[in-house]
């Protein structure tokens, strides 16, 4: 099965939709990393502060405004 997505880059909303599509894998990887950080906290008793700092680092790399306009 194949699918073709078509975007009109003259339409600002379509540009955002395109970015969401092409960055979807990056978001899934980031969520998996966050899941693993949380797992380390519960399985290995890593301090919550360290885990939260790691998650904040992950999230700070993303410009969410770019995808939410």
PDB file of N, CA and C in Angstrom:
ATOM      1  N   UNK A   1       0.848  -1.164   0.000  1.00  0.00           N
ATOM      2  CA  UNK A   1       0.000   0.000   0.000  1.00  0.00           C
ATOM      3  C   UNK A   1       0.899   1.235   0.000  1.00  0.00           C
ATOM      4  N   UNK A   2       0.525   2.212  -0.761  1.00  0.00           N
ATOM      5  CA  UNK A   2       1.266   3.463  -0.839  1.00  0.00           C
ATOM      6  C   UNK A   2       0.317   4.620  -0.599  1.00  0.00           C
ATOM      7  N   UNK A   3       0.871   5.697  -0.094  1.00  0.00           N
ATOM      8  CA  UNK A   3       0.092   6.914   0.102  1.00  0.00           C
ATOM      9  C   UNK A   3       0.952   8.099  -0.322  1.00  0.00           C
ATOM     10  N   UNK A   4       0.314   9.062  -0.883  1.00  0.00           N
ATOM     11  CA  UNK A   4       1.000  10.287  -1.267  1.00  0.00           C
ATOM     12  C   UNK A   4       0.314  11.448  -0.558  1.00  0.00           C
ATOM     13  N   UNK A   5       1.122  12.208   0.152  1.00  0.00           N
ATOM     14  CA  UNK A   5       0.607  13.400   0.816  1.00  0.00           C
ATOM     15  C   UNK A   5       0.985  14.604  -0.032  1.00  0.00           C
ATOM     16  N   UNK A   6       0.045  15.486  -0.239  1.00  0.00           N
ATOM     17  CA  UNK A   6       0.279  16.673  -1.050  1.00  0.00           C
ATOM     18  C   UNK A   6       0.047  17.904  -0.182  1.00  0.00           C
ATOM     19  N   UNK A   7       0.982  18.828  -0.245  1.00  0.00           N
ATOM     20  CA  UNK A   7       0.897  20.045   0.551  1.00  0.00           C
ATOM     21  C   UNK A   7       1.046  21.255  -0.356  1.00  0.00           C
ATOM     22  N   UNK A   8       0.314  22.298  -0.051  1.00  0.00           N
ATOM     23  CA  UNK A   8       0.409  23.574  -0.754  1.00  0.00           C
ATOM     24  C   UNK A   8       1.283  24.485   0.101  1.00  0.00           C
ATOM     25  N   UNK A   9       2.520  24.685  -0.304  1.00  0.00           N
ATOM     26  CA  UNK A   9       3.457  25.470   0.491  1.00  0.00           C
ATOM     27  C   UNK A   9       3.201  26.971   0.407  1.00  0.00           C
ATOM     28  N   UNK A  10       2.184  27.363  -0.334  1.00  0.00           N
ATOM     29  CA  UNK A  10       1.765  28.761  -0.318  1.00  0.00           C
ATOM     30  C   UNK A  10       0.785  29.016   0.825  1.00  0.00           C
ATOM     31  N   UNK A  11       0.294  27.942   1.439  1.00  0.00           N
ATOM     32  CA  UNK A  11      -0.656  28.030   2.553  1.00  0.00           C
ATOM     33  C   UNK A  11       0.092  27.776   3.863  1.00  0.00           C
ATOM     34  N   UNK A  12       0.175  28.774   4.753  1.00  0.00           N
ATOM     35  CA  UNK A  12       0.921  28.604   6.008  1.00  0.00           C
ATOM     36  C   UNK A  12       0.443  27.411   6.850  1.00  0.00           C
ATOM     37  N   UNK A  13      -0.851  27.132   6.857  1.00  0.00           N
ATOM     38  CA  UNK A  13      -1.360  25.990   7.617  1.00  0.00           C
ATOM     39  C   UNK A  13      -0.852  24.672   7.043  1.00  0.00           C
ATOM     40  N   UNK A  14      -0.742  24.613   5.723  1.00  0.00           N
ATOM     41  CA  UNK A  14      -0.238  23.390   5.077  1.00  0.00           C
ATOM     42  C   UNK A  14       1.250  23.190   5.354  1.00  0.00           C
ATOM     43  N   UNK A  15       1.973  24.278   5.486  1.00  0.00           N
ATOM     44  CA  UNK A  15       3.395  24.175   5.833  1.00  0.00           C
ATOM     45  C   UNK A  15       3.541  23.552   7.213  1.00  0.00           C
ATOM     46  N   UNK A  16       2.715  23.983   8.152  1.00  0.00           N
ATOM     47  CA  UNK A  16       2.751  23.418   9.506  1.00  0.00           C
ATOM     48  C   UNK A  16       2.365  21.947   9.474  1.00  0.00           C
ATOM     49  N   UNK A  17       1.346  21.596   8.691  1.00  0.00           N
ATOM     50  CA  UNK A  17       0.947  20.196   8.574  1.00  0.00           C
ATOM     51  C   UNK A  17       2.081  19.352   8.008  1.00  0.00           C
ATOM     52  N   UNK A  18       2.786  19.899   7.030  1.00  0.00           N
ATOM     53  CA  UNK A  18       3.938  19.193   6.456  1.00  0.00           C
ATOM     54  C   UNK A  18       5.014  18.954   7.516  1.00  0.00           C
ATOM     55  N   UNK A  19       5.332  19.988   8.291  1.00  0.00           N
ATOM     56  CA  UNK A  19       6.332  19.838   9.353  1.00  0.00           C
ATOM     57  C   UNK A  19       5.920  18.762  10.355  1.00  0.00           C
ATOM     58  N   UNK A  20       4.647  18.725  10.702  1.00  0.00           N
ATOM     59  CA  UNK A  20       4.167  17.704  11.635  1.00  0.00           C
ATOM     60  C   UNK A  20       4.384  16.315  11.070  1.00  0.00           C
ATOM     61  N   UNK A  21       4.147  16.152   9.783  1.00  0.00           N
ATOM     62  CA  UNK A  21       4.330  14.835   9.155  1.00  0.00           C
ATOM     63  C   UNK A  21       5.798  14.421   9.116  1.00  0.00           C
ATOM     64  N   UNK A  22       6.654  15.323   8.687  1.00  0.00           N
ATOM     65  CA  UNK A  22       8.058  14.943   8.519  1.00  0.00           C
ATOM     66  C   UNK A  22       8.801  14.828   9.848  1.00  0.00           C
ATOM     67  N   UNK A  23       8.283  15.442  10.894  1.00  0.00           N
ATOM     68  CA  UNK A  23       8.925  15.383  12.210  1.00  0.00           C
ATOM     69  C   UNK A  23       8.283  14.353  13.139  1.00  0.00           C
ATOM     70  N   UNK A  24       7.300  13.614  12.664  1.00  0.00           N
ATOM     71  CA  UNK A  24       6.589  12.653  13.513  1.00  0.00           C
ATOM     72  C   UNK A  24       7.540  11.628  14.118  1.00  0.00           C
ATOM     73  N   UNK A  25       8.478  11.111  13.337  1.00  0.00           N
ATOM     74  CA  UNK A  25       9.423  10.121  13.865  1.00  0.00           C
ATOM     75  C   UNK A  25      10.279  10.726  14.969  1.00  0.00           C
ATOM     76  N   UNK A  26      10.710  11.972  14.796  1.00  0.00           N
ATOM     77  CA  UNK A  26      11.499  12.638  15.836  1.00  0.00           C
ATOM     78  C   UNK A  26      10.724  12.725  17.151  1.00  0.00           C
ATOM     79  N   UNK A  27       9.426  13.007  17.059  1.00  0.00           N
ATOM     80  CA  UNK A  27       8.611  13.099  18.263  1.00  0.00           C
ATOM     81  C   UNK A  27       8.447  11.738  18.925  1.00  0.00           C
ATOM     82  N   UNK A  28       8.280  10.693  18.133  1.00  0.00           N
ATOM     83  CA  UNK A  28       8.147   9.346  18.696  1.00  0.00           C
ATOM     84  C   UNK A  28       9.441   8.945  19.394  1.00  0.00           C
ATOM     85  N   UNK A  29      10.569   9.253  18.792  1.00  0.00           N
ATOM     86  CA  UNK A  29      11.859   8.947  19.416  1.00  0.00           C
ATOM     87  C   UNK A  29      12.011   9.716  20.717  1.00  0.00           C
ATOM     88  N   UNK A  30      11.620  10.991  20.723  1.00  0.00           N
ATOM     89  CA  UNK A  30      11.703  11.791  21.938  1.00  0.00           C
ATOM     90  C   UNK A  30      10.815  11.200  23.040  1.00  0.00           C
ATOM     91  N   UNK A  31       9.595  10.805  22.689  1.00  0.00           N
ATOM     92  CA  UNK A  31       8.705  10.205  23.683  1.00  0.00           C
ATOM     93  C   UNK A  31       9.276   8.895  24.224  1.00  0.00           C
ATOM     94  N   UNK A  32       9.905   8.112  23.362  1.00  0.00           N
ATOM     95  CA  UNK A  32      10.540   6.882  23.821  1.00  0.00           C
ATOM     96  C   UNK A  32      11.692   7.185  24.773  1.00  0.00           C
ATOM     97  N   UNK A  33      12.463   8.220  24.483  1.00  0.00           N
ATOM     98  CA  UNK A  33      13.548   8.625  25.380  1.00  0.00           C
ATOM     99  C   UNK A  33      13.002   9.040  26.746  1.00  0.00           C
ATOM    100  N   UNK A  34      11.903   9.797  26.728  1.00  0.00           N
ATOM    101  CA  UNK A  34      11.288  10.216  27.995  1.00  0.00           C
ATOM    102  C   UNK A  34      10.805   9.000  28.769  1.00  0.00           C
ATOM    103  N   UNK A  35      10.194   8.060  28.076  1.00  0.00           N
ATOM    104  CA  UNK A  35       9.744   6.821  28.716  1.00  0.00           C
ATOM    105  C   UNK A  35      10.920   6.096  29.368  1.00  0.00           C
ATOM    106  N   UNK A  36      12.054   6.054  28.671  1.00  0.00           N
ATOM    107  CA  UNK A  36      13.232   5.381  29.224  1.00  0.00           C
ATOM    108  C   UNK A  36      13.807   6.121  30.422  1.00  0.00           C
ATOM    109  N   UNK A  37      13.761   7.455  30.394  1.00  0.00           N
ATOM    110  CA  UNK A  37      14.206   8.231  31.557  1.00  0.00           C
ATOM    111  C   UNK A  37      13.353   7.883  32.772  1.00  0.00           C
ATOM    112  N   UNK A  38      12.041   7.836  32.566  1.00  0.00           N
ATOM    113  CA  UNK A  38      11.135   7.499  33.678  1.00  0.00           C
ATOM    114  C   UNK A  38      11.376   6.072  34.172  1.00  0.00           C
ATOM    115  N   UNK A  39      11.619   5.170  33.251  1.00  0.00           N
ATOM    116  CA  UNK A  39      11.902   3.782  33.622  1.00  0.00           C
ATOM    117  C   UNK A  39      13.159   3.705  34.499  1.00  0.00           C
ATOM    118  N   UNK A  40      14.185   4.482  34.151  1.00  0.00           N
ATOM    119  CA  UNK A  40      15.410   4.491  34.958  1.00  0.00           C
ATOM    120  C   UNK A  40      15.117   4.944  36.380  1.00  0.00           C
ATOM    121  N   UNK A  41      14.197   5.903  36.510  1.00  0.00           N
ATOM    122  CA  UNK A  41      13.841   6.395  37.837  1.00  0.00           C
ATOM    123  C   UNK A  41      13.238   5.269  38.676  1.00  0.00           C
ATOM    124  N   UNK A  42      12.299   4.553  38.090  1.00  0.00           N
ATOM    125  CA  UNK A  42      11.604   3.518  38.856  1.00  0.00           C
ATOM    126  C   UNK A  42      12.427   2.240  39.016  1.00  0.00           C
ATOM    127  N   UNK A  43      13.162   1.859  37.974  1.00  0.00           N
ATOM    128  CA  UNK A  43      13.900   0.595  38.030  1.00  0.00           C
ATOM    129  C   UNK A  43      15.226   0.723  38.780  1.00  0.00           C
ATOM    130  N   UNK A  44      15.912   1.830  38.586  1.00  0.00           N
ATOM    131  CA  UNK A  44      17.252   1.978  39.159  1.00  0.00           C
ATOM    132  C   UNK A  44      17.324   3.035  40.245  1.00  0.00           C
ATOM    133  N   UNK A  45      16.184   3.560  40.628  1.00  0.00           N
ATOM    134  CA  UNK A  45      16.101   4.551  41.699  1.00  0.00           C
ATOM    135  C   UNK A  45      16.963   5.788  41.422  1.00  0.00           C
ATOM    136  N   UNK A  46      16.984   6.200  40.155  1.00  0.00           N
ATOM    137  CA  UNK A  46      17.677   7.438  39.782  1.00  0.00           C
ATOM    138  C   UNK A  46      16.863   8.592  40.366  1.00  0.00           C
ATOM    139  N   UNK A  47      17.514   9.577  40.971  1.00  0.00           N
ATOM    140  CA  UNK A  47      16.772  10.689  41.583  1.00  0.00           C
ATOM    141  C   UNK A  47      15.835  11.389  40.593  1.00  0.00           C
ATOM    142  N   UNK A  48      14.651  11.729  41.081  1.00  0.00           N
ATOM    143  CA  UNK A  48      13.641  12.362  40.237  1.00  0.00           C
ATOM    144  C   UNK A  48      14.156  13.663  39.633  1.00  0.00           C
ATOM    145  N   UNK A  49      14.943  14.410  40.383  1.00  0.00           N
ATOM    146  CA  UNK A  49      15.469  15.678  39.872  1.00  0.00           C
ATOM    147  C   UNK A  49      16.333  15.453  38.633  1.00  0.00           C
ATOM    148  N   UNK A  50      17.158  14.414  38.652  1.00  0.00           N
ATOM    149  CA  UNK A  50      17.999  14.100  37.496  1.00  0.00           C
ATOM    150  C   UNK A  50      17.136  13.713  36.296  1.00  0.00           C
ATOM    151  N   UNK A  51      16.112  12.928  36.551  1.00  0.00           N
ATOM    152  CA  UNK A  51      15.215  12.505  35.476  1.00  0.00           C
ATOM    153  C   UNK A  51      14.501  13.712  34.879  1.00  0.00           C
ATOM    154  N   UNK A  52      13.987  14.585  35.739  1.00  0.00           N
ATOM    155  CA  UNK A  52      13.291  15.774  35.238  1.00  0.00           C
ATOM    156  C   UNK A  52      14.224  16.679  34.446  1.00  0.00           C
ATOM    157  N   UNK A  53      15.460  16.804  34.878  1.00  0.00           N
ATOM    158  CA  UNK A  53      16.435  17.600  34.126  1.00  0.00           C
ATOM    159  C   UNK A  53      16.679  16.997  32.747  1.00  0.00           C
ATOM    160  N   UNK A  54      16.790  15.669  32.688  1.00  0.00           N
ATOM    161  CA  UNK A  54      16.990  14.999  31.400  1.00  0.00           C
ATOM    162  C   UNK A  54      15.798  15.217  30.475  1.00  0.00           C
ATOM    163  N   UNK A  55      14.600  15.105  31.030  1.00  0.00           N
ATOM    164  CA  UNK A  55      13.395  15.305  30.225  1.00  0.00           C
ATOM    165  C   UNK A  55      13.316  16.756  29.753  1.00  0.00           C
ATOM    166  N   UNK A  56      13.643  17.694  30.639  1.00  0.00           N
ATOM    167  CA  UNK A  56      13.622  19.105  30.250  1.00  0.00           C
ATOM    168  C   UNK A  56      14.605  19.371  29.118  1.00  0.00           C
ATOM    169  N   UNK A  57      15.759  18.746  29.153  1.00  0.00           N
ATOM    170  CA  UNK A  57      16.729  18.890  28.066  1.00  0.00           C
ATOM    171  C   UNK A  57      16.145  18.401  26.753  1.00  0.00           C
ATOM    172  N   UNK A  58      15.503  17.234  26.799  1.00  0.00           N
ATOM    173  CA  UNK A  58      14.878  16.676  25.594  1.00  0.00           C
ATOM    174  C   UNK A  58      13.850  17.659  25.030  1.00  0.00           C
ATOM    175  N   UNK A  59      13.000  18.187  25.909  1.00  0.00           N
ATOM    176  CA  UNK A  59      11.919  19.066  25.470  1.00  0.00           C
ATOM    177  C   UNK A  59      12.431  20.414  24.989  1.00  0.00           C
ATOM    178  N   UNK A  60      13.529  20.887  25.565  1.00  0.00           N
ATOM    179  CA  UNK A  60      14.050  22.205  25.183  1.00  0.00           C
ATOM    180  C   UNK A  60      14.625  22.212  23.773  1.00  0.00           C
ATOM    181  N   UNK A  61      14.889  21.043  23.215  1.00  0.00           N
ATOM    182  CA  UNK A  61      15.431  20.961  21.860  1.00  0.00           C
ATOM    183  C   UNK A  61      14.353  21.149  20.792  1.00  0.00           C
ATOM    184  N   UNK A  62      13.098  21.137  21.215  1.00  0.00           N
ATOM    185  CA  UNK A  62      11.982  21.243  20.272  1.00  0.00           C
ATOM    186  C   UNK A  62      11.387  22.643  20.316  1.00  0.00           C
ATOM    187  N   UNK A  63      11.180  23.239  19.164  1.00  0.00           N
ATOM    188  CA  UNK A  63      10.484  24.522  19.065  1.00  0.00           C
ATOM    189  C   UNK A  63       9.001  24.198  18.832  1.00  0.00           C
ATOM    190  N   UNK A  64       8.255  24.048  19.909  1.00  0.00           N
ATOM    191  CA  UNK A  64       6.858  23.625  19.806  1.00  0.00           C
ATOM    192  C   UNK A  64       5.989  24.656  19.088  1.00  0.00           C
ATOM    193  N   UNK A  65       6.326  25.920  19.178  1.00  0.00           N
ATOM    194  CA  UNK A  65       5.542  26.958  18.499  1.00  0.00           C
ATOM    195  C   UNK A  65       5.474  26.722  16.997  1.00  0.00           C
ATOM    196  N   UNK A  66       6.524  26.126  16.470  1.00  0.00           N
ATOM    197  CA  UNK A  66       6.591  25.861  15.044  1.00  0.00           C
ATOM    198  C   UNK A  66       5.496  24.875  14.599  1.00  0.00           C
ATOM    199  N   UNK A  67       5.060  24.018  15.512  1.00  0.00           N
ATOM    200  CA  UNK A  67       4.096  22.973  15.178  1.00  0.00           C
ATOM    201  C   UNK A  67       2.685  23.274  15.672  1.00  0.00           C
ATOM    202  N   UNK A  68       2.514  24.322  16.453  1.00  0.00           N
ATOM    203  CA  UNK A  68       1.223  24.593  17.073  1.00  0.00           C
ATOM    204  C   UNK A  68       0.511  25.813  16.510  1.00  0.00           C
ATOM    205  N   UNK A  69       1.107  26.480  15.572  1.00  0.00           N
ATOM    206  CA  UNK A  69       0.490  27.717  15.034  1.00  0.00           C
ATOM    207  C   UNK A  69      -0.785  27.425  14.291  1.00  0.00           C
TER     208      UNK A  69
END
